[in-house]
C-alpha cells in the first residue's frame, strides 16, 4: 500500500501526520506552501478541487476531509488505537472530532483571514473579536472536558491530535488563553509526545526551506 500525505505548515494537516506517525505507517510527505498559491495550481486542483490540505492519497486515490482521514487511519492501523475500541465510545470520539472540525476550526479562521467574512474597510478587528468570542466559548467547554484528565479519552486518540492542533493554532494568533488551564496543561503534555515532536520538527524545517526559497 502506497500512502502520500499532502501537508502544509501550521494547517490541520498536522493531525493526520501525527496519526500516521503514531500508527508507524510508511508514507511520503508532500510539503505544500499554502501561502504561495500552490494549493490552487491546476496540478493540485486535480487532486483536490477544494484546494485544501490535508489530502491522503491511498494507492493513487485521494481521500480528503480530516475526519474521514482519521477514521481510515484508525481502521487501517487498529494496533495504534487511534479511536476507542468500544463502539459507543468510538462514536463519541468521532462526534468530538466533528465538533473540532465544524465549530472550533471555523472559529479560528477569522484570525487568519478576516476578509473572508467581511470585506468592508476597517472590519478586520471586529471580525476577529466576534470569532474569538465563539472560540473562547468552545475552549471553555473543552477545558471542562479535560479537567482531571490526561487525554479526552482513556488513552491518546485521534481527537487529541486534532485538539492539539486547534489550541496551538490559537496560540499562534497570540490570544490570551490563560483562562483555560486544563487546555494549556494538555497542550504542554502533548508537545512532549514523540509523534508530535517529530511533526513539529518537520514543520520547522519546511518553514525554513520555504523562507529561503522566497
N, C-alpha and C. Protein backbone atom coordinates (compact mmCIF):
# COMPACT_ATOMS: atom_id res chain seq x y z
N UNK A 1 0.84 -1.19 0.00
CA UNK A 1 0.00 0.00 0.00
C UNK A 1 0.88 1.25 0.00
N UNK A 2 0.60 2.16 -0.91
CA UNK A 2 1.36 3.40 -1.01
C UNK A 2 0.54 4.55 -0.45
N UNK A 3 1.11 5.26 0.53
CA UNK A 3 0.43 6.38 1.17
C UNK A 3 1.22 7.66 0.94
N UNK A 4 0.51 8.72 0.56
CA UNK A 4 1.13 10.02 0.35
C UNK A 4 0.27 11.08 1.05
N UNK A 5 0.90 11.84 1.92
CA UNK A 5 0.20 12.89 2.65
C UNK A 5 0.60 14.25 2.11
N UNK A 6 -0.39 15.03 1.70
CA UNK A 6 -0.16 16.42 1.28
C UNK A 6 -0.37 17.30 2.51
N UNK A 7 0.69 18.00 2.86
CA UNK A 7 0.78 18.68 4.15
C UNK A 7 1.25 20.12 3.93
N UNK A 8 0.78 21.03 4.77
CA UNK A 8 1.29 22.40 4.77
C UNK A 8 1.50 22.85 6.22
N UNK A 9 2.58 23.58 6.51
CA UNK A 9 2.84 24.03 7.87
C UNK A 9 1.69 24.85 8.45
N UNK A 10 1.50 24.69 9.74
CA UNK A 10 0.51 25.41 10.55
C UNK A 10 -0.93 24.95 10.30
N UNK A 11 -1.17 24.18 9.25
CA UNK A 11 -2.53 23.77 8.92
C UNK A 11 -2.93 22.52 9.69
N UNK A 12 -4.20 22.16 9.57
CA UNK A 12 -4.71 20.96 10.25
C UNK A 12 -4.21 19.67 9.60
N UNK A 13 -3.37 19.79 8.58
CA UNK A 13 -2.70 18.59 8.04
C UNK A 13 -1.75 17.99 9.06
N UNK A 14 -1.46 18.75 10.12
CA UNK A 14 -0.70 18.19 11.24
C UNK A 14 -1.40 16.97 11.82
N UNK A 15 -2.71 16.98 11.82
CA UNK A 15 -3.48 15.93 12.51
C UNK A 15 -3.24 14.55 11.89
N UNK A 16 -3.43 14.36 10.58
CA UNK A 16 -3.13 13.04 10.02
C UNK A 16 -1.65 12.71 10.03
N UNK A 17 -0.79 13.73 9.98
CA UNK A 17 0.65 13.48 10.07
C UNK A 17 0.96 12.81 11.41
N UNK A 18 0.40 13.36 12.49
CA UNK A 18 0.58 12.77 13.81
C UNK A 18 -0.01 11.37 13.87
N UNK A 19 -1.21 11.21 13.33
CA UNK A 19 -1.88 9.90 13.38
C UNK A 19 -1.08 8.83 12.63
N UNK A 20 -0.61 9.18 11.45
CA UNK A 20 0.18 8.22 10.67
C UNK A 20 1.49 7.88 11.38
N UNK A 21 2.07 8.87 12.04
CA UNK A 21 3.30 8.63 12.79
C UNK A 21 3.04 7.73 13.99
N UNK A 22 1.94 8.00 14.70
CA UNK A 22 1.56 7.14 15.83
C UNK A 22 1.35 5.70 15.37
N UNK A 23 0.80 5.55 14.17
CA UNK A 23 0.49 4.22 13.65
C UNK A 23 1.71 3.49 13.12
N UNK A 24 2.83 4.20 12.99
CA UNK A 24 4.02 3.59 12.42
C UNK A 24 3.87 3.32 10.93
N UNK A 25 3.03 4.10 10.25
CA UNK A 25 2.77 3.88 8.83
C UNK A 25 3.96 4.32 7.99
N UNK A 26 4.11 3.67 6.85
CA UNK A 26 5.11 4.05 5.86
C UNK A 26 4.43 4.98 4.87
N UNK A 27 4.82 6.26 4.86
CA UNK A 27 4.15 7.23 3.99
C UNK A 27 5.13 8.30 3.55
N UNK A 28 4.78 8.92 2.43
CA UNK A 28 5.56 10.02 1.88
C UNK A 28 4.84 11.33 2.17
N UNK A 29 5.59 12.36 2.53
CA UNK A 29 5.01 13.68 2.80
C UNK A 29 5.35 14.62 1.65
N UNK A 30 4.32 15.24 1.09
CA UNK A 30 4.50 16.29 0.09
C UNK A 30 4.26 17.63 0.77
N UNK A 31 5.30 18.43 0.90
CA UNK A 31 5.20 19.72 1.60
C UNK A 31 4.66 20.78 0.65
N UNK A 32 3.54 21.37 1.03
CA UNK A 32 2.87 22.36 0.21
C UNK A 32 2.97 23.73 0.88
N UNK A 33 3.18 24.75 0.06
CA UNK A 33 3.22 26.11 0.57
C UNK A 33 1.86 26.76 0.35
N UNK A 34 1.05 26.77 1.40
CA UNK A 34 -0.33 27.27 1.27
C UNK A 34 -0.38 28.77 1.05
N UNK A 35 0.72 29.48 1.32
CA UNK A 35 0.74 30.93 1.16
C UNK A 35 1.20 31.36 -0.22
N UNK A 36 1.69 30.43 -1.01
CA UNK A 36 2.26 30.79 -2.31
C UNK A 36 1.29 30.55 -3.46
N UNK A 37 0.10 30.05 -3.16
CA UNK A 37 -0.84 29.73 -4.22
C UNK A 37 -0.68 28.32 -4.75
N UNK A 38 0.17 27.53 -4.11
CA UNK A 38 0.45 26.18 -4.58
C UNK A 38 -0.79 25.28 -4.52
N UNK A 39 -1.70 25.58 -3.60
CA UNK A 39 -2.90 24.75 -3.47
C UNK A 39 -3.94 25.06 -4.54
N UNK A 40 -3.68 26.07 -5.35
CA UNK A 40 -4.62 26.43 -6.40
C UNK A 40 -4.04 26.22 -7.80
N UNK A 41 -2.95 25.52 -7.87
CA UNK A 41 -2.39 25.20 -9.18
C UNK A 41 -3.26 24.15 -9.86
N UNK A 42 -3.25 24.08 -11.19
CA UNK A 42 -4.04 23.06 -11.88
C UNK A 42 -3.70 21.64 -11.43
N UNK A 43 -2.42 21.41 -11.15
CA UNK A 43 -2.00 20.07 -10.73
C UNK A 43 -2.64 19.69 -9.39
N UNK A 44 -2.62 20.64 -8.45
CA UNK A 44 -3.19 20.31 -7.13
C UNK A 44 -4.72 20.26 -7.18
N UNK A 45 -5.32 21.12 -7.96
CA UNK A 45 -6.78 21.12 -8.06
C UNK A 45 -7.31 19.82 -8.67
N UNK A 46 -6.51 19.18 -9.49
CA UNK A 46 -6.92 17.87 -10.00
C UNK A 46 -6.94 16.84 -8.87
N UNK A 47 -6.07 17.04 -7.90
CA UNK A 47 -6.02 16.14 -6.75
C UNK A 47 -7.12 16.45 -5.76
N UNK A 48 -7.30 17.74 -5.48
CA UNK A 48 -8.33 18.19 -4.54
C UNK A 48 -8.91 19.52 -5.01
N UNK A 49 -10.06 19.49 -5.69
CA UNK A 49 -10.68 20.72 -6.19
C UNK A 49 -11.03 21.72 -5.09
N UNK A 50 -11.06 21.25 -3.83
CA UNK A 50 -11.38 22.15 -2.72
C UNK A 50 -10.16 22.99 -2.30
N UNK A 51 -9.05 22.78 -2.96
CA UNK A 51 -7.78 23.50 -2.72
C UNK A 51 -7.44 23.62 -1.24
N UNK A 52 -7.46 22.48 -0.58
CA UNK A 52 -7.12 22.44 0.84
C UNK A 52 -6.21 21.26 1.13
N UNK A 53 -5.55 21.33 2.28
CA UNK A 53 -4.89 20.17 2.85
C UNK A 53 -5.61 19.87 4.17
N UNK A 54 -5.52 18.64 4.65
CA UNK A 54 -4.74 17.53 4.13
C UNK A 54 -5.45 16.77 3.02
N UNK A 55 -4.63 16.08 2.25
CA UNK A 55 -5.11 15.03 1.35
C UNK A 55 -4.24 13.80 1.62
N UNK A 56 -4.87 12.67 1.81
CA UNK A 56 -4.14 11.42 1.93
C UNK A 56 -4.43 10.61 0.68
N UNK A 57 -3.39 10.37 -0.11
CA UNK A 57 -3.54 9.59 -1.34
C UNK A 57 -3.21 8.14 -1.01
N UNK A 58 -4.19 7.28 -1.24
CA UNK A 58 -4.08 5.86 -0.88
C UNK A 58 -4.05 5.05 -2.17
N UNK A 59 -2.89 4.52 -2.49
CA UNK A 59 -2.73 3.77 -3.75
C UNK A 59 -3.28 4.55 -4.94
N UNK A 60 -2.97 5.85 -4.97
CA UNK A 60 -3.36 6.69 -6.09
C UNK A 60 -4.72 7.34 -5.97
N UNK A 61 -5.50 6.98 -4.93
CA UNK A 61 -6.84 7.54 -4.75
C UNK A 61 -6.83 8.58 -3.63
N UNK A 62 -7.18 9.84 -3.91
CA UNK A 62 -7.15 10.86 -2.87
C UNK A 62 -8.34 10.76 -1.91
N UNK A 63 -8.03 10.89 -0.63
CA UNK A 63 -9.06 10.98 0.40
C UNK A 63 -8.90 12.33 1.07
N UNK A 64 -9.99 13.10 1.13
CA UNK A 64 -9.96 14.43 1.74
C UNK A 64 -10.86 14.45 2.97
N UNK A 65 -10.78 15.53 3.72
CA UNK A 65 -11.54 15.81 4.93
C UNK A 65 -10.95 15.04 6.12
N UNK A 66 -10.56 15.81 7.12
CA UNK A 66 -9.79 15.28 8.23
C UNK A 66 -10.48 14.14 8.97
N UNK A 67 -11.77 14.26 9.22
CA UNK A 67 -12.44 13.21 9.99
C UNK A 67 -12.40 11.89 9.23
N UNK A 68 -12.67 11.93 7.93
CA UNK A 68 -12.62 10.71 7.13
C UNK A 68 -11.22 10.13 7.13
N UNK A 69 -10.22 10.98 7.02
CA UNK A 69 -8.84 10.51 7.01
C UNK A 69 -8.49 9.86 8.35
N UNK A 70 -8.91 10.49 9.45
CA UNK A 70 -8.61 9.93 10.78
C UNK A 70 -9.28 8.56 10.96
N UNK A 71 -10.51 8.44 10.53
CA UNK A 71 -11.21 7.16 10.67
C UNK A 71 -10.52 6.10 9.82
N UNK A 72 -10.11 6.47 8.61
CA UNK A 72 -9.44 5.50 7.74
C UNK A 72 -8.14 5.02 8.39
N UNK A 73 -7.34 5.96 8.91
CA UNK A 73 -6.08 5.57 9.54
C UNK A 73 -6.33 4.66 10.74
N UNK A 74 -7.31 5.03 11.55
CA UNK A 74 -7.61 4.23 12.75
C UNK A 74 -8.03 2.81 12.39
N UNK A 75 -8.80 2.67 11.34
CA UNK A 75 -9.28 1.33 10.94
C UNK A 75 -8.18 0.54 10.23
N UNK A 76 -7.32 1.23 9.50
CA UNK A 76 -6.26 0.54 8.78
C UNK A 76 -5.14 0.08 9.71
N UNK A 77 -4.95 0.82 10.82
CA UNK A 77 -3.88 0.52 11.77
C UNK A 77 -4.48 0.36 13.18
N UNK A 78 -5.29 -0.67 13.39
CA UNK A 78 -6.00 -0.81 14.66
C UNK A 78 -5.09 -0.94 15.88
N UNK A 79 -3.86 -1.42 15.65
CA UNK A 79 -2.94 -1.59 16.78
C UNK A 79 -2.60 -0.26 17.44
N UNK A 80 -2.72 0.84 16.70
CA UNK A 80 -2.38 2.16 17.25
C UNK A 80 -3.47 2.69 18.17
N UNK A 81 -4.66 2.11 18.12
CA UNK A 81 -5.78 2.51 18.98
C UNK A 81 -6.06 4.01 18.88
N UNK A 82 -6.12 4.49 17.65
CA UNK A 82 -6.36 5.92 17.44
C UNK A 82 -7.81 6.32 17.65
N UNK A 83 -8.68 5.35 17.75
CA UNK A 83 -10.05 5.56 18.21
C UNK A 83 -10.33 4.53 19.29
N UNK A 84 -11.18 4.86 20.26
CA UNK A 84 -11.51 3.89 21.30
C UNK A 84 -12.10 2.62 20.69
N UNK A 85 -11.82 1.48 21.31
CA UNK A 85 -12.26 0.21 20.76
C UNK A 85 -13.73 -0.09 21.06
N UNK A 86 -14.23 0.44 22.16
CA UNK A 86 -15.65 0.25 22.48
C UNK A 86 -16.50 1.04 21.49
N UNK A 87 -17.47 0.41 20.81
CA UNK A 87 -18.24 1.10 19.77
C UNK A 87 -18.92 2.38 20.24
N UNK A 88 -19.48 2.35 21.44
CA UNK A 88 -20.16 3.55 21.94
C UNK A 88 -19.18 4.70 22.18
N UNK A 89 -18.02 4.36 22.71
CA UNK A 89 -17.01 5.39 22.95
C UNK A 89 -16.38 5.85 21.65
N UNK A 90 -16.25 4.93 20.69
CA UNK A 90 -15.71 5.30 19.38
C UNK A 90 -16.58 6.37 18.73
N UNK A 91 -17.89 6.20 18.78
CA UNK A 91 -18.80 7.18 18.20
C UNK A 91 -18.65 8.53 18.90
N UNK A 92 -18.45 8.50 20.21
CA UNK A 92 -18.26 9.75 20.94
C UNK A 92 -16.97 10.45 20.49
N UNK A 93 -15.94 9.68 20.21
CA UNK A 93 -14.69 10.26 19.74
C UNK A 93 -14.86 10.89 18.36
N UNK A 94 -15.61 10.22 17.49
CA UNK A 94 -15.87 10.77 16.16
C UNK A 94 -16.72 12.04 16.29
N UNK A 95 -17.68 12.02 17.19
CA UNK A 95 -18.50 13.21 17.44
C UNK A 95 -17.65 14.37 17.92
N UNK A 96 -16.68 14.08 18.79
CA UNK A 96 -15.81 15.13 19.30
C UNK A 96 -14.97 15.73 18.17
N UNK A 97 -14.43 14.86 17.30
CA UNK A 97 -13.67 15.39 16.15
C UNK A 97 -14.55 16.21 15.23
N UNK A 98 -15.80 15.81 15.07
CA UNK A 98 -16.73 16.58 14.23
C UNK A 98 -16.94 17.97 14.82
N UNK A 99 -17.00 18.06 16.13
CA UNK A 99 -17.13 19.37 16.80
C UNK A 99 -15.88 20.22 16.56
N UNK A 100 -14.71 19.60 16.70
CA UNK A 100 -13.48 20.34 16.44
C UNK A 100 -13.48 20.88 15.00
N UNK A 101 -13.92 20.02 14.07
CA UNK A 101 -13.86 20.34 12.65
C UNK A 101 -14.91 21.39 12.25
N UNK A 102 -16.12 21.21 12.73
CA UNK A 102 -17.23 22.04 12.26
C UNK A 102 -17.43 23.31 13.08
N UNK A 103 -16.86 23.37 14.27
CA UNK A 103 -17.09 24.51 15.15
C UNK A 103 -15.81 25.22 15.55
N UNK A 104 -14.90 24.51 16.22
CA UNK A 104 -13.69 25.16 16.69
C UNK A 104 -12.83 25.64 15.52
N UNK A 105 -12.65 24.78 14.54
CA UNK A 105 -11.81 25.15 13.40
C UNK A 105 -12.32 26.43 12.70
N UNK A 106 -13.60 26.51 12.35
CA UNK A 106 -14.09 27.75 11.72
C UNK A 106 -13.99 28.98 12.62
N UNK A 107 -14.05 28.78 13.94
CA UNK A 107 -13.94 29.93 14.85
C UNK A 107 -12.49 30.42 14.96
N UNK A 108 -11.53 29.61 14.53
CA UNK A 108 -10.14 30.05 14.47
C UNK A 108 -9.87 30.90 13.23
N UNK A 109 -10.55 30.58 12.15
CA UNK A 109 -10.21 31.15 10.84
C UNK A 109 -10.31 32.67 10.77
N UNK A 110 -11.25 33.36 11.45
CA UNK A 110 -11.29 34.81 11.35
C UNK A 110 -9.98 35.50 11.74
N UNK A 111 -9.19 34.84 12.60
CA UNK A 111 -7.91 35.43 12.99
C UNK A 111 -6.93 35.45 11.82
N UNK A 112 -7.03 34.45 10.95
CA UNK A 112 -6.10 34.34 9.83
C UNK A 112 -6.60 35.07 8.60
N UNK A 113 -7.91 34.97 8.36
CA UNK A 113 -8.46 35.54 7.12
C UNK A 113 -9.79 36.25 7.41
N UNK A 114 -9.75 37.37 8.14
CA UNK A 114 -10.99 38.09 8.45
C UNK A 114 -11.71 38.58 7.21
N UNK A 115 -10.95 38.82 6.13
CA UNK A 115 -11.56 39.32 4.89
C UNK A 115 -12.50 38.29 4.26
N UNK A 116 -12.38 37.03 4.65
CA UNK A 116 -13.29 36.01 4.13
C UNK A 116 -14.70 36.17 4.70
N UNK A 117 -14.81 36.90 5.79
CA UNK A 117 -16.09 37.05 6.47
C UNK A 117 -16.71 38.43 6.26
N UNK A 118 -15.86 39.43 6.10
CA UNK A 118 -16.37 40.78 5.83
C UNK A 118 -15.26 41.57 5.13
N UNK A 119 -15.57 42.12 3.96
CA UNK A 119 -14.55 42.84 3.19
C UNK A 119 -14.68 44.35 3.31
N UNK A 120 -15.47 44.83 4.26
CA UNK A 120 -15.58 46.27 4.46
C UNK A 120 -14.30 46.81 5.08
N UNK A 121 -13.82 47.95 4.64
CA UNK A 121 -12.61 48.53 5.21
C UNK A 121 -12.74 48.72 6.72
N UNK A 122 -11.70 48.35 7.44
CA UNK A 122 -11.69 48.54 8.89
C UNK A 122 -12.46 47.50 9.68
N UNK A 123 -12.94 46.46 9.02
CA UNK A 123 -13.78 45.47 9.71
C UNK A 123 -13.00 44.32 10.32
N UNK A 124 -11.71 44.22 10.03
CA UNK A 124 -10.94 43.03 10.41
C UNK A 124 -10.96 42.77 11.92
N UNK A 125 -10.72 43.80 12.71
CA UNK A 125 -10.65 43.60 14.16
C UNK A 125 -12.00 43.18 14.74
N UNK A 126 -13.08 43.73 14.19
CA UNK A 126 -14.40 43.35 14.65
C UNK A 126 -14.72 41.89 14.32
N UNK A 127 -14.30 41.46 13.14
CA UNK A 127 -14.49 40.07 12.76
C UNK A 127 -13.73 39.15 13.69
N UNK A 128 -12.49 39.51 14.01
CA UNK A 128 -11.69 38.70 14.93
C UNK A 128 -12.33 38.63 16.31
N UNK A 129 -12.82 39.75 16.82
CA UNK A 129 -13.46 39.76 18.14
C UNK A 129 -14.67 38.84 18.17
N UNK A 130 -15.48 38.91 17.12
CA UNK A 130 -16.68 38.07 17.07
C UNK A 130 -16.30 36.59 17.01
N UNK A 131 -15.31 36.27 16.19
CA UNK A 131 -14.88 34.88 16.09
C UNK A 131 -14.27 34.37 17.39
N UNK A 132 -13.49 35.21 18.05
CA UNK A 132 -12.82 34.78 19.27
C UNK A 132 -13.79 34.65 20.44
N UNK A 133 -14.88 35.40 20.43
CA UNK A 133 -15.90 35.22 21.45
C UNK A 133 -16.46 33.79 21.37
N UNK A 134 -16.75 33.35 20.16
CA UNK A 134 -17.25 31.99 19.96
C UNK A 134 -16.16 30.96 20.27
N UNK A 135 -14.93 31.27 19.85
CA UNK A 135 -13.82 30.35 20.11
C UNK A 135 -13.61 30.14 21.60
N UNK A 136 -13.69 31.20 22.37
CA UNK A 136 -13.49 31.07 23.81
C UNK A 136 -14.62 30.29 24.47
N UNK A 137 -15.81 30.38 23.93
CA UNK A 137 -16.90 29.53 24.42
C UNK A 137 -16.58 28.06 24.17
N UNK A 138 -16.00 27.78 22.99
CA UNK A 138 -15.60 26.40 22.68
C UNK A 138 -14.53 25.91 23.65
N UNK A 139 -13.53 26.75 23.88
CA UNK A 139 -12.43 26.34 24.76
C UNK A 139 -12.90 26.17 26.21
N UNK A 140 -13.91 26.92 26.60
CA UNK A 140 -14.47 26.74 27.94
C UNK A 140 -15.03 25.34 28.10
N UNK A 141 -15.75 24.87 27.07
CA UNK A 141 -16.29 23.51 27.11
C UNK A 141 -15.17 22.48 27.10
N UNK A 142 -14.18 22.68 26.25
CA UNK A 142 -13.06 21.74 26.17
C UNK A 142 -12.30 21.69 27.49
N UNK A 143 -12.15 22.85 28.13
CA UNK A 143 -11.43 22.90 29.40
C UNK A 143 -12.14 22.06 30.46
N UNK A 144 -13.45 22.09 30.45
CA UNK A 144 -14.22 21.25 31.39
C UNK A 144 -14.02 19.78 31.08
N UNK A 145 -14.01 19.43 29.80
CA UNK A 145 -13.83 18.04 29.40
C UNK A 145 -12.48 17.48 29.85
N UNK A 146 -11.46 18.35 29.88
CA UNK A 146 -10.11 17.91 30.20
C UNK A 146 -9.78 18.01 31.69
N UNK A 147 -10.71 18.45 32.48
CA UNK A 147 -10.46 18.58 33.92
C UNK A 147 -10.11 17.21 34.52
N UNK A 148 -8.95 17.11 35.12
CA UNK A 148 -8.54 15.87 35.77
C UNK A 148 -8.19 14.74 34.82
N UNK A 149 -8.01 15.07 33.52
CA UNK A 149 -7.75 14.04 32.53
C UNK A 149 -6.44 14.33 31.79
N UNK A 150 -5.77 13.25 31.39
CA UNK A 150 -4.58 13.41 30.56
C UNK A 150 -4.95 13.57 29.09
N UNK A 151 -5.97 12.81 28.66
CA UNK A 151 -6.46 12.83 27.29
C UNK A 151 -7.98 13.01 27.31
N UNK A 152 -8.58 13.17 26.15
CA UNK A 152 -10.04 13.27 26.10
C UNK A 152 -10.70 11.92 26.42
N UNK A 153 -9.98 10.83 26.14
CA UNK A 153 -10.50 9.50 26.48
C UNK A 153 -9.45 8.81 27.36
N UNK A 154 -9.51 7.49 27.48
CA UNK A 154 -8.64 6.80 28.42
C UNK A 154 -7.19 6.70 27.97
N UNK A 155 -6.94 6.97 26.69
CA UNK A 155 -5.59 6.94 26.16
C UNK A 155 -5.53 7.91 24.97
N UNK A 156 -4.35 8.12 24.44
CA UNK A 156 -4.22 9.03 23.31
C UNK A 156 -5.01 8.51 22.11
N UNK A 157 -5.80 9.40 21.51
CA UNK A 157 -6.59 9.06 20.33
C UNK A 157 -6.50 10.21 19.32
N UNK A 158 -7.08 9.98 18.14
CA UNK A 158 -7.06 11.00 17.09
C UNK A 158 -7.65 12.34 17.55
N UNK A 159 -8.73 12.36 18.35
CA UNK A 159 -9.22 13.66 18.81
C UNK A 159 -8.18 14.48 19.57
N UNK A 160 -7.28 13.82 20.27
CA UNK A 160 -6.23 14.56 20.98
C UNK A 160 -5.33 15.29 20.00
N UNK A 161 -4.99 14.63 18.90
CA UNK A 161 -4.15 15.27 17.88
C UNK A 161 -4.87 16.46 17.28
N UNK A 162 -6.17 16.31 17.05
CA UNK A 162 -6.93 17.40 16.43
C UNK A 162 -7.02 18.61 17.37
N UNK A 163 -7.31 18.34 18.65
CA UNK A 163 -7.44 19.48 19.57
C UNK A 163 -6.08 20.13 19.81
N UNK A 164 -5.03 19.33 19.85
CA UNK A 164 -3.69 19.92 19.98
C UNK A 164 -3.46 20.93 18.87
N UNK A 165 -3.78 20.55 17.63
CA UNK A 165 -3.59 21.49 16.53
C UNK A 165 -4.41 22.75 16.74
N UNK A 166 -5.69 22.59 17.12
CA UNK A 166 -6.58 23.74 17.26
C UNK A 166 -6.07 24.70 18.34
N UNK A 167 -5.67 24.15 19.47
CA UNK A 167 -5.22 25.03 20.56
C UNK A 167 -3.89 25.68 20.20
N UNK A 168 -3.03 24.93 19.55
CA UNK A 168 -1.76 25.50 19.10
C UNK A 168 -1.99 26.63 18.10
N UNK A 169 -2.96 26.45 17.21
CA UNK A 169 -3.27 27.49 16.23
C UNK A 169 -3.72 28.76 16.94
N UNK A 170 -4.52 28.60 17.98
CA UNK A 170 -4.96 29.77 18.75
C UNK A 170 -3.77 30.47 19.39
N UNK A 171 -2.80 29.69 19.87
CA UNK A 171 -1.62 30.28 20.48
C UNK A 171 -0.83 31.09 19.46
N UNK A 172 -0.75 30.62 18.21
CA UNK A 172 0.00 31.35 17.19
C UNK A 172 -0.63 32.71 16.89
N UNK A 173 -1.92 32.86 17.20
CA UNK A 173 -2.59 34.15 17.00
C UNK A 173 -2.39 35.08 18.19
N UNK A 174 -1.60 34.62 19.18
CA UNK A 174 -1.26 35.42 20.36
C UNK A 174 -2.50 35.81 21.17
N UNK A 175 -3.44 34.88 21.26
CA UNK A 175 -4.63 35.10 22.07
C UNK A 175 -4.30 34.81 23.53
N UNK A 176 -5.00 35.48 24.43
CA UNK A 176 -4.82 35.24 25.86
C UNK A 176 -5.63 34.00 26.26
N UNK A 177 -4.95 32.89 26.41
CA UNK A 177 -5.61 31.62 26.71
C UNK A 177 -5.41 31.20 28.16
N UNK A 178 -5.02 32.14 29.01
CA UNK A 178 -4.75 31.82 30.41
C UNK A 178 -5.99 31.35 31.16
N UNK A 179 -7.16 31.64 30.63
CA UNK A 179 -8.40 31.22 31.28
C UNK A 179 -8.75 29.77 31.05
N UNK A 180 -7.87 29.03 30.35
CA UNK A 180 -8.15 27.63 30.03
C UNK A 180 -6.98 26.77 30.51
N UNK A 181 -6.83 26.65 31.85
CA UNK A 181 -5.64 25.96 32.39
C UNK A 181 -5.57 24.48 32.02
N UNK A 182 -6.70 23.82 31.91
CA UNK A 182 -6.67 22.39 31.56
C UNK A 182 -6.27 22.20 30.10
N UNK A 183 -6.74 23.08 29.24
CA UNK A 183 -6.33 23.03 27.84
C UNK A 183 -4.84 23.33 27.71
N UNK A 184 -4.37 24.31 28.47
CA UNK A 184 -2.95 24.66 28.40
C UNK A 184 -2.07 23.52 28.90
N UNK A 185 -2.49 22.87 30.00
CA UNK A 185 -1.73 21.74 30.52
C UNK A 185 -1.72 20.59 29.51
N UNK A 186 -2.84 20.35 28.88
CA UNK A 186 -2.93 19.33 27.83
C UNK A 186 -1.96 19.66 26.70
N UNK A 187 -1.96 20.90 26.27
CA UNK A 187 -1.08 21.34 25.18
C UNK A 187 0.38 21.11 25.54
N UNK A 188 0.76 21.44 26.76
CA UNK A 188 2.15 21.25 27.18
C UNK A 188 2.51 19.77 27.20
N UNK A 189 1.60 18.93 27.66
CA UNK A 189 1.87 17.48 27.67
C UNK A 189 2.03 16.95 26.26
N UNK A 190 1.14 17.38 25.36
CA UNK A 190 1.18 16.85 24.01
C UNK A 190 2.47 17.24 23.28
N UNK A 191 3.04 18.38 23.62
CA UNK A 191 4.28 18.80 22.97
C UNK A 191 5.44 17.85 23.26
N UNK A 192 5.31 17.09 24.33
CA UNK A 192 6.36 16.15 24.70
C UNK A 192 6.16 14.78 24.07
N UNK A 193 5.04 14.56 23.40
CA UNK A 193 4.78 13.27 22.79
C UNK A 193 5.69 13.09 21.57
N UNK A 194 6.35 11.94 21.42
CA UNK A 194 7.31 11.77 20.32
C UNK A 194 6.73 12.04 18.94
N UNK A 195 5.52 11.59 18.67
CA UNK A 195 4.94 11.81 17.34
C UNK A 195 4.75 13.28 17.06
N UNK A 196 4.31 14.03 18.04
CA UNK A 196 4.08 15.46 17.86
C UNK A 196 5.40 16.21 17.76
N UNK A 197 6.37 15.82 18.55
CA UNK A 197 7.69 16.44 18.45
C UNK A 197 8.28 16.23 17.06
N UNK A 198 8.09 15.05 16.51
CA UNK A 198 8.61 14.76 15.17
C UNK A 198 7.95 15.65 14.13
N UNK A 199 6.63 15.80 14.21
CA UNK A 199 5.91 16.61 13.22
C UNK A 199 6.27 18.09 13.37
N UNK A 200 6.41 18.57 14.59
CA UNK A 200 6.77 19.98 14.79
C UNK A 200 8.18 20.26 14.29
N UNK A 201 9.08 19.31 14.43
CA UNK A 201 10.43 19.50 13.90
C UNK A 201 10.40 19.53 12.37
N UNK A 202 9.57 18.68 11.78
CA UNK A 202 9.40 18.70 10.33
C UNK A 202 8.85 20.05 9.88
N UNK A 203 7.86 20.55 10.59
CA UNK A 203 7.27 21.84 10.25
C UNK A 203 8.33 22.95 10.28
N UNK A 204 9.16 22.93 11.30
CA UNK A 204 10.22 23.93 11.43
C UNK A 204 11.16 23.90 10.24
N UNK A 205 11.53 22.71 9.82
CA UNK A 205 12.44 22.56 8.68
C UNK A 205 11.78 23.04 7.38
N UNK A 206 10.51 22.69 7.20
CA UNK A 206 9.81 23.08 5.98
C UNK A 206 9.64 24.59 5.91
N UNK A 207 9.28 25.21 7.02
CA UNK A 207 9.12 26.66 7.02
C UNK A 207 10.44 27.36 6.71
N UNK A 208 11.55 26.81 7.20
CA UNK A 208 12.86 27.39 6.89
C UNK A 208 13.18 27.25 5.40
N UNK A 209 12.83 26.11 4.83
CA UNK A 209 13.05 25.91 3.39
C UNK A 209 12.22 26.88 2.56
N UNK A 210 10.96 27.06 2.94
CA UNK A 210 10.09 27.98 2.21
C UNK A 210 10.62 29.42 2.33
N UNK A 211 11.13 29.78 3.51
CA UNK A 211 11.65 31.14 3.72
C UNK A 211 12.89 31.38 2.84
N UNK A 212 13.73 30.37 2.73
CA UNK A 212 14.92 30.52 1.90
C UNK A 212 14.58 30.64 0.42
N UNK A 213 13.49 29.98 0.02
CA UNK A 213 13.10 30.00 -1.37
C UNK A 213 12.33 31.26 -1.76
N UNK A 214 11.86 31.98 -0.78
CA UNK A 214 11.03 33.17 -1.07
C UNK A 214 11.85 34.29 -1.71
